[in-house]
PDB file of N, CA and C in Angstrom:
ATOM      1  N   MET A   1     171.056  53.770 134.654  1.00  0.00           N
ATOM      2  CA  MET A   1     169.894  53.245 135.714  1.00  0.00           C
ATOM      3  C   MET A   1     169.794  54.697 136.866  1.00  0.00           C
ATOM      4  N   GLU A   2     170.868  53.384 137.555  1.00  0.00           N
ATOM      5  CA  GLU A   2     171.663  54.390 138.595  1.00  0.00           C
ATOM      6  C   GLU A   2     171.525  55.635 138.969  1.00  0.00           C
ATOM      7  N   ASP A   3     172.456  56.045 137.254  1.00  0.00           N
ATOM      8  CA  ASP A   3     172.801  57.816 137.791  1.00  0.00           C
ATOM      9  C   ASP A   3     171.656  58.625 137.428  1.00  0.00           C
ATOM     10  N   LEU A   4     170.943  58.009 136.952  1.00  0.00           N
ATOM     11  CA  LEU A   4     168.760  58.624 136.890  1.00  0.00           C
ATOM     12  C   LEU A   4     168.164  58.477 137.838  1.00  0.00           C
ATOM     13  N   MET A   5     168.360  58.000 138.660  1.00  0.00           N
ATOM     14  CA  MET A   5     167.585  57.276 139.846  1.00  0.00           C
ATOM     15  C   MET A   5     168.108  58.607 141.287  1.00  0.00           C
ATOM     16  N   ARG A   6     169.521  58.477 140.418  1.00  0.00           N
ATOM     17  CA  ARG A   6     169.837  60.055 141.690  1.00  0.00           C
ATOM     18  C   ARG A   6     170.772  60.996 141.896  1.00  0.00           C
ATOM     19  N   ILE A   7     170.509  61.928 140.663  1.00  0.00           N
ATOM     20  CA  ILE A   7     170.073  62.847 140.296  1.00  0.00           C
ATOM     21  C   ILE A   7     168.955  64.049 140.573  1.00  0.00           C
ATOM     22  N   SER A   8     168.911  64.772 141.318  1.00  0.00           N
ATOM     23  CA  SER A   8     167.428  65.903 142.565  1.00  0.00           C
ATOM     24  C   SER A   8     167.505  66.439 140.897  1.00  0.00           C
ATOM     25  N   LEU A   9     166.325  67.450 140.810  1.00  0.00           N
ATOM     26  CA  LEU A   9     165.598  68.302 140.394  1.00  0.00           C
ATOM     27  C   LEU A   9     166.607  68.532 139.528  1.00  0.00           C
ATOM     28  N   GLU A  10     166.692  69.620 141.067  1.00  0.00           N
ATOM     29  CA  GLU A  10     167.501  70.750 141.404  1.00  0.00           C
ATOM     30  C   GLU A  10     168.605  70.663 140.434  1.00  0.00           C
ATOM     31  N   ASP A  11     169.686  69.206 140.536  1.00  0.00           N
ATOM     32  CA  ASP A  11     170.479  69.187 139.972  1.00  0.00           C
ATOM     33  C   ASP A  11     170.799  69.135 138.191  1.00  0.00           C
ATOM     34  N   LEU A  12     169.385  68.698 137.930  1.00  0.00           N
ATOM     35  CA  LEU A  12     168.618  68.456 136.955  1.00  0.00           C
ATOM     36  C   LEU A  12     168.787  69.932 135.952  1.00  0.00           C
ATOM     37  N   LYS A  13     168.170  70.957 136.078  1.00  0.00           N
ATOM     38  CA  LYS A  13     167.620  72.186 136.239  1.00  0.00           C
ATOM     39  C   LYS A  13     168.862  73.110 136.388  1.00  0.00           C
ATOM     40  N   LYS A  14     170.112  72.637 137.200  1.00  0.00           N
ATOM     41  CA  LYS A  14     171.395  73.417 136.878  1.00  0.00           C
ATOM     42  C   LYS A  14     172.001  73.704 136.497  1.00  0.00           C
ATOM     43  N   TYR A  15     171.762  71.655 135.152  1.00  0.00           N
ATOM     44  CA  TYR A  15     172.394  71.180 134.045  1.00  0.00           C
ATOM     45  C   TYR A  15     171.911  71.895 133.404  1.00  0.00           C
ATOM     46  N   TYR A  16     170.884  72.358 133.039  1.00  0.00           N
ATOM     47  CA  TYR A  16     169.617  72.795 131.900  1.00  0.00           C
ATOM     48  C   TYR A  16     170.364  74.447 131.680  1.00  0.00           C
ATOM     49  N   GLN A  17     170.400  75.051 132.386  1.00  0.00           N
ATOM     50  CA  GLN A  17     170.723  76.208 132.476  1.00  0.00           C
ATOM     51  C   GLN A  17     172.015  76.557 132.864  1.00  0.00           C
ATOM     52  N   THR A  18     172.858  75.965 132.843  1.00  0.00           N
ATOM     53  CA  THR A  18     174.159  75.639 132.213  1.00  0.00           C
ATOM     54  C   THR A  18     174.505  75.034 131.037  1.00  0.00           C
ATOM     55  N   TYR A  19     174.761  74.491 130.065  1.00  0.00           N
ATOM     56  CA  TYR A  19     174.839  73.979 129.185  1.00  0.00           C
ATOM     57  C   TYR A  19     173.416  74.194 127.665  1.00  0.00           C
ATOM     58  N   TYR A  20     172.255  74.847 128.978  1.00  0.00           N
ATOM     59  CA  TYR A  20     171.195  74.242 127.125  1.00  0.00           C
ATOM     60  C   TYR A  20     171.263  75.839 126.812  1.00  0.00           C
ATOM     61  N   HIS A  21     171.607  76.565 126.453  1.00  0.00           N
ATOM     62  CA  HIS A  21     171.825  77.741 125.267  1.00  0.00           C
ATOM     63  C   HIS A  21     171.548  77.947 124.067  1.00  0.00           C
ATOM     64  N   PRO A  22     171.211  78.662 123.553  1.00  0.00           N
ATOM     65  CA  PRO A  22     170.696  78.984 122.627  1.00  0.00           C
ATOM     66  C   PRO A  22     172.527  79.167 121.351  1.00  0.00           C
ATOM     67  N   ALA A  23     173.455  80.083 122.710  1.00  0.00           N
ATOM     68  CA  ALA A  23     175.189  80.084 121.245  1.00  0.00           C
ATOM     69  C   ALA A  23     175.394  78.172 122.032  1.00  0.00           C
ATOM     70  N   ASN A  24     175.550  77.491 122.419  1.00  0.00           N
ATOM     71  CA  ASN A  24     175.548  76.495 122.551  1.00  0.00           C
ATOM     72  C   ASN A  24     175.320  75.529 121.194  1.00  0.00           C
ATOM     73  N   ALA A  25     174.562  75.946 120.299  1.00  0.00           N
ATOM     74  CA  ALA A  25     173.208  74.994 119.602  1.00  0.00           C
ATOM     75  C   ALA A  25     174.284  74.931 118.670  1.00  0.00           C
ATOM     76  N   PHE A  26     174.188  74.177 118.042  1.00  0.00           N
ATOM     77  CA  PHE A  26     174.589  74.460 116.001  1.00  0.00           C
ATOM     78  C   PHE A  26     173.614  73.890 114.940  1.00  0.00           C
ATOM     79  N   LEU A  27     173.182  73.993 113.787  1.00  0.00           N
ATOM     80  CA  LEU A  27     172.135  73.547 112.826  1.00  0.00           C
ATOM     81  C   LEU A  27     173.328  72.891 111.987  1.00  0.00           C
ATOM     82  N   VAL A  28     172.426  71.868 110.964  1.00  0.00           N
ATOM     83  CA  VAL A  28     172.482  71.197 109.802  1.00  0.00           C
ATOM     84  C   VAL A  28     171.475  72.041 109.053  1.00  0.00           C
ATOM     85  N   ALA A  29     171.481  71.787 107.378  1.00  0.00           N
ATOM     86  CA  ALA A  29     170.929  72.010 107.241  1.00  0.00           C
ATOM     87  C   ALA A  29     170.867  71.498 105.197  1.00  0.00           C
ATOM     88  N   VAL A  30     169.948  71.022 105.019  1.00  0.00           N
ATOM     89  CA  VAL A  30     169.649  70.635 103.851  1.00  0.00           C
ATOM     90  C   VAL A  30     168.823  70.433 102.907  1.00  0.00           C
ATOM     91  N   GLY A  31     169.467  70.722 101.327  1.00  0.00           N
ATOM     92  CA  GLY A  31     168.775  71.067 100.536  1.00  0.00           C
ATOM     93  C   GLY A  31     169.313  71.642  99.164  1.00  0.00           C
ATOM     94  N   ASN A  32     168.126  71.848  98.561  1.00  0.00           N
ATOM     95  CA  ASN A  32     168.562  72.071  97.654  1.00  0.00           C
ATOM     96  C   ASN A  32     168.642  73.953  97.336  1.00  0.00           C
ATOM     97  N   PHE A  33     169.672  75.006  97.874  1.00  0.00           N
ATOM     98  CA  PHE A  33     169.682  76.338  98.068  1.00  0.00           C
ATOM     99  C   PHE A  33     171.139  76.517  97.645  1.00  0.00           C
ATOM    100  N   THR A  34     171.380  78.092  98.005  1.00  0.00           N
ATOM    101  CA  THR A  34     172.745  78.411  98.108  1.00  0.00           C
ATOM    102  C   THR A  34     173.217  78.981  99.214  1.00  0.00           C
ATOM    103  N   ARG A  35     174.311  78.665  99.124  1.00  0.00           N
ATOM    104  CA  ARG A  35     175.466  79.205 100.563  1.00  0.00           C
ATOM    105  C   ARG A  35     173.915  81.119 101.153  1.00  0.00           C
ATOM    106  N   GLY A  36     174.283  81.909 100.439  1.00  0.00           N
ATOM    107  CA  GLY A  36     174.136  82.782 100.227  1.00  0.00           C
ATOM    108  C   GLY A  36     172.345  82.971 101.196  1.00  0.00           C
ATOM    109  N   GLU A  37     170.911  82.432 100.510  1.00  0.00           N
ATOM    110  CA  GLU A  37     170.352  82.366 101.136  1.00  0.00           C
ATOM    111  C   GLU A  37     170.367  81.622 102.477  1.00  0.00           C
ATOM    112  N   MET A  38     170.630  80.165 102.657  1.00  0.00           N
ATOM    113  CA  MET A  38     170.869  79.396 103.687  1.00  0.00           C
ATOM    114  C   MET A  38     171.453  80.683 104.718  1.00  0.00           C
ATOM    115  N   LEU A  39     172.228  81.773 104.003  1.00  0.00           N
ATOM    116  CA  LEU A  39     172.871  81.801 105.055  1.00  0.00           C
ATOM    117  C   LEU A  39     171.492  83.472 105.931  1.00  0.00           C
ATOM    118  N   ALA A  40     171.384  84.165 105.158  1.00  0.00           N
ATOM    119  CA  ALA A  40     170.202  84.470 105.137  1.00  0.00           C
ATOM    120  C   ALA A  40     169.204  84.578 105.859  1.00  0.00           C
ATOM    121  N   ARG A  41     168.631  83.189 105.404  1.00  0.00           N
ATOM    122  CA  ARG A  41     167.592  82.778 106.106  1.00  0.00           C
ATOM    123  C   ARG A  41     167.450  82.686 107.970  1.00  0.00           C
ATOM    124  N   ILE A  42     169.004  81.731 107.718  1.00  0.00           N
ATOM    125  CA  ILE A  42     169.686  81.430 109.766  1.00  0.00           C
ATOM    126  C   ILE A  42     169.256  83.445 110.185  1.00  0.00           C
ATOM    127  N   GLU A  43     170.198  84.165 109.402  1.00  0.00           N
ATOM    128  CA  GLU A  43     170.580  85.662 109.574  1.00  0.00           C
ATOM    129  C   GLU A  43     169.500  85.975 110.277  1.00  0.00           C
ATOM    130  N   LYS A  44     168.687  86.168 109.687  1.00  0.00           N
ATOM    131  CA  LYS A  44     166.875  86.649 109.191  1.00  0.00           C
ATOM    132  C   LYS A  44     166.589  85.666 110.915  1.00  0.00           C
ATOM    133  N   THR A  45     166.270  83.848 111.060  1.00  0.00           N
ATOM    134  CA  THR A  45     165.325  83.787 112.150  1.00  0.00           C
ATOM    135  C   THR A  45     165.938  84.136 113.368  1.00  0.00           C
ATOM    136  N   PHE A  46     167.576  83.042 113.526  1.00  0.00           N
ATOM    137  CA  PHE A  46     168.167  83.354 114.375  1.00  0.00           C
ATOM    138  C   PHE A  46     169.523  84.319 114.613  1.00  0.00           C
ATOM    139  N   ALA A  47     168.902  85.894 114.322  1.00  0.00           N
ATOM    140  CA  ALA A  47     169.762  86.698 114.768  1.00  0.00           C
ATOM    141  C   ALA A  47     169.813  87.112 116.411  1.00  0.00           C
ATOM    142  N   ALA A  48     168.867  87.017 116.780  1.00  0.00           N
ATOM    143  CA  ALA A  48     168.855  87.334 118.735  1.00  0.00           C
ATOM    144  C   ALA A  48     169.613  86.381 119.302  1.00  0.00           C
ATOM    145  N   PHE A  49     169.598  84.730 118.552  1.00  0.00           N
ATOM    146  CA  PHE A  49     170.135  83.608 119.293  1.00  0.00           C
ATOM    147  C   PHE A  49     171.856  84.194 118.817  1.00  0.00           C
ATOM    148  N   LEU A  50     172.159  84.301 117.730  1.00  0.00           N
ATOM    149  CA  LEU A  50     173.370  84.574 117.164  1.00  0.00           C
ATOM    150  C   LEU A  50     174.338  85.503 118.093  1.00  0.00           C
ATOM    151  N   ARG A  51     174.042  86.475 118.404  1.00  0.00           N
ATOM    152  CA  ARG A  51     174.109  87.338 119.581  1.00  0.00           C
ATOM    153  C   ARG A  51     174.560  87.028 121.194  1.00  0.00           C
ATOM    154  N   ALA A  52     173.916  85.959 121.129  1.00  0.00           N
ATOM    155  CA  ALA A  52     173.763  85.193 123.006  1.00  0.00           C
ATOM    156  C   ALA A  52     175.325  84.433 123.186  1.00  0.00           C
ATOM    157  N   ARG A  53     175.166  84.571 124.106  1.00  0.00           N
ATOM    158  CA  ARG A  53     176.375  84.031 125.329  1.00  0.00           C
ATOM    159  C   ARG A  53     176.420  83.198 126.275  1.00  0.00           C
ATOM    160  N   PRO A  54     177.565  82.457 126.078  1.00  0.00           N
ATOM    161  CA  PRO A  54     176.693  81.206 126.543  1.00  0.00           C
ATOM    162  C   PRO A  54     177.246  81.765 128.331  1.00  0.00           C
ATOM    163  N   ARG A  55     176.672  80.654 129.255  1.00  0.00           N
ATOM    164  CA  ARG A  55     176.911  81.099 130.729  1.00  0.00           C
ATOM    165  C   ARG A  55     177.842  80.665 130.757  1.00  0.00           C
ATOM    166  N   ASN A  56     178.551  79.216 130.407  1.00  0.00           N
ATOM    167  CA  ASN A  56     179.405  78.369 130.818  1.00  0.00           C
ATOM    168  C   ASN A  56     179.996  77.421 128.887  1.00  0.00           C
ATOM    169  N   ARG A  57     181.494  78.189 129.115  1.00  0.00           N
ATOM    170  CA  ARG A  57     181.798  77.243 127.901  1.00  0.00           C
ATOM    171  C   ARG A  57     182.644  75.939 128.537  1.00  0.00           C
ATOM    172  N   LYS A  58     182.492  75.243 129.849  1.00  0.00           N
ATOM    173  CA  LYS A  58     182.999  74.542 130.012  1.00  0.00           C
ATOM    174  C   LYS A  58     182.185  72.904 129.625  1.00  0.00           C
ATOM    175  N   SER A  59     183.245  72.089 129.585  1.00  0.00           N
ATOM    176  CA  SER A  59     182.328  70.532 129.747  1.00  0.00           C
ATOM    177  C   SER A  59     182.700  70.192 130.529  1.00  0.00           C
ATOM    178  N   PRO A  60     181.722  69.084 131.533  1.00  0.00           N
ATOM    179  CA  PRO A  60     181.581  68.398 132.359  1.00  0.00           C
ATOM    180  C   PRO A  60     182.790  67.332 131.856  1.00  0.00           C
ATOM    181  N   LYS A  61     183.746  66.563 132.902  1.00  0.00           N
ATOM    182  CA  LYS A  61     184.419  66.190 132.226  1.00  0.00           C
ATOM    183  C   LYS A  61     184.280  64.452 132.544  1.00  0.00           C
ATOM    184  N   THR A  62     184.506  64.035 132.029  1.00  0.00           N
ATOM    185  CA  THR A  62     184.458  62.540 131.691  1.00  0.00           C
ATOM    186  C   THR A  62     185.533  61.551 132.577  1.00  0.00           C
ATOM    187  N   PRO A  63     184.086  60.977 132.850  1.00  0.00           N
ATOM    188  CA  PRO A  63     185.079  59.594 133.611  1.00  0.00           C
ATOM    189  C   PRO A  63     186.465  59.297 132.996  1.00  0.00           C
ATOM    190  N   ARG A  64     187.487  58.720 133.692  1.00  0.00           N
ATOM    191  CA  ARG A  64     188.667  57.937 133.379  1.00  0.00           C
ATOM    192  C   ARG A  64     187.931  56.846 132.899  1.00  0.00           C
ATOM    193  N   ARG A  65     188.257  56.079 131.915  1.00  0.00           N
ATOM    194  CA  ARG A  65     188.025  55.223 131.237  1.00  0.00           C
ATOM    195  C   ARG A  65     188.616  53.630 132.131  1.00  0.00           C
ATOM    196  N   GLN A  66     188.130  52.249 132.261  1.00  0.00           N
ATOM    197  CA  GLN A  66     188.449  51.430 132.964  1.00  0.00           C
ATOM    198  C   GLN A  66     188.176  50.180 132.394  1.00  0.00           C
ATOM    199  N   GLY A  67     189.159  49.642 131.483  1.00  0.00           N
ATOM    200  CA  GLY A  67     189.322  48.278 130.887  1.00  0.00           C
ATOM    201  C   GLY A  67     191.027  47.553 131.032  1.00  0.00           C
ATOM    202  N   SER A  68     190.964  47.109 129.695  1.00  0.00           N
ATOM    203  CA  SER A  68     192.057  45.816 129.422  1.00  0.00           C
ATOM    204  C   SER A  68     192.147  46.369 127.686  1.00  0.00           C
ATOM    205  N   ALA A  69     191.322  47.552 127.765  1.00  0.00           N
ATOM    206  CA  ALA A  69     191.377  47.177 126.069  1.00  0.00           C
ATOM    207  C   ALA A  69     192.894  47.730 125.415  1.00  0.00           C
ATOM    208  N   GLY A  70     193.808  48.174 126.269  1.00  0.00           N
ATOM    209  CA  GLY A  70     195.318  48.873 126.208  1.00  0.00           C
ATOM    210  C   GLY A  70     194.601  50.594 126.169  1.00  0.00           C
ATOM    211  N   PHE A  71     193.590  50.975 126.532  1.00  0.00           N
ATOM    212  CA  PHE A  71     193.221  52.369 127.364  1.00  0.00           C
ATOM    213  C   PHE A  71     194.177  52.970 128.834  1.00  0.00           C
ATOM    214  N   PRO A  72     194.223  54.163 128.497  1.00  0.00           N
ATOM    215  CA  PRO A  72     194.251  54.272 130.350  1.00  0.00           C
ATOM    216  C   PRO A  72     193.038  54.933 130.715  1.00  0.00           C
TER     217      PRO A  72
END
């Protein structure tokens, strides 16, 4: 909760613009279809997004774990 209270609207907008991009998305398909059918539907529906390039491929840094479980 402390982190949520500390973040500003500008920080949130910057994070969204950096990491929420169609090229960073993934798709899960479940059901009774052939691979060819699904690929054709994906291409038709998401063609514009598939060509988009992400603005930033860097992942946010994960803080080092602190603990006694034997992890560094």
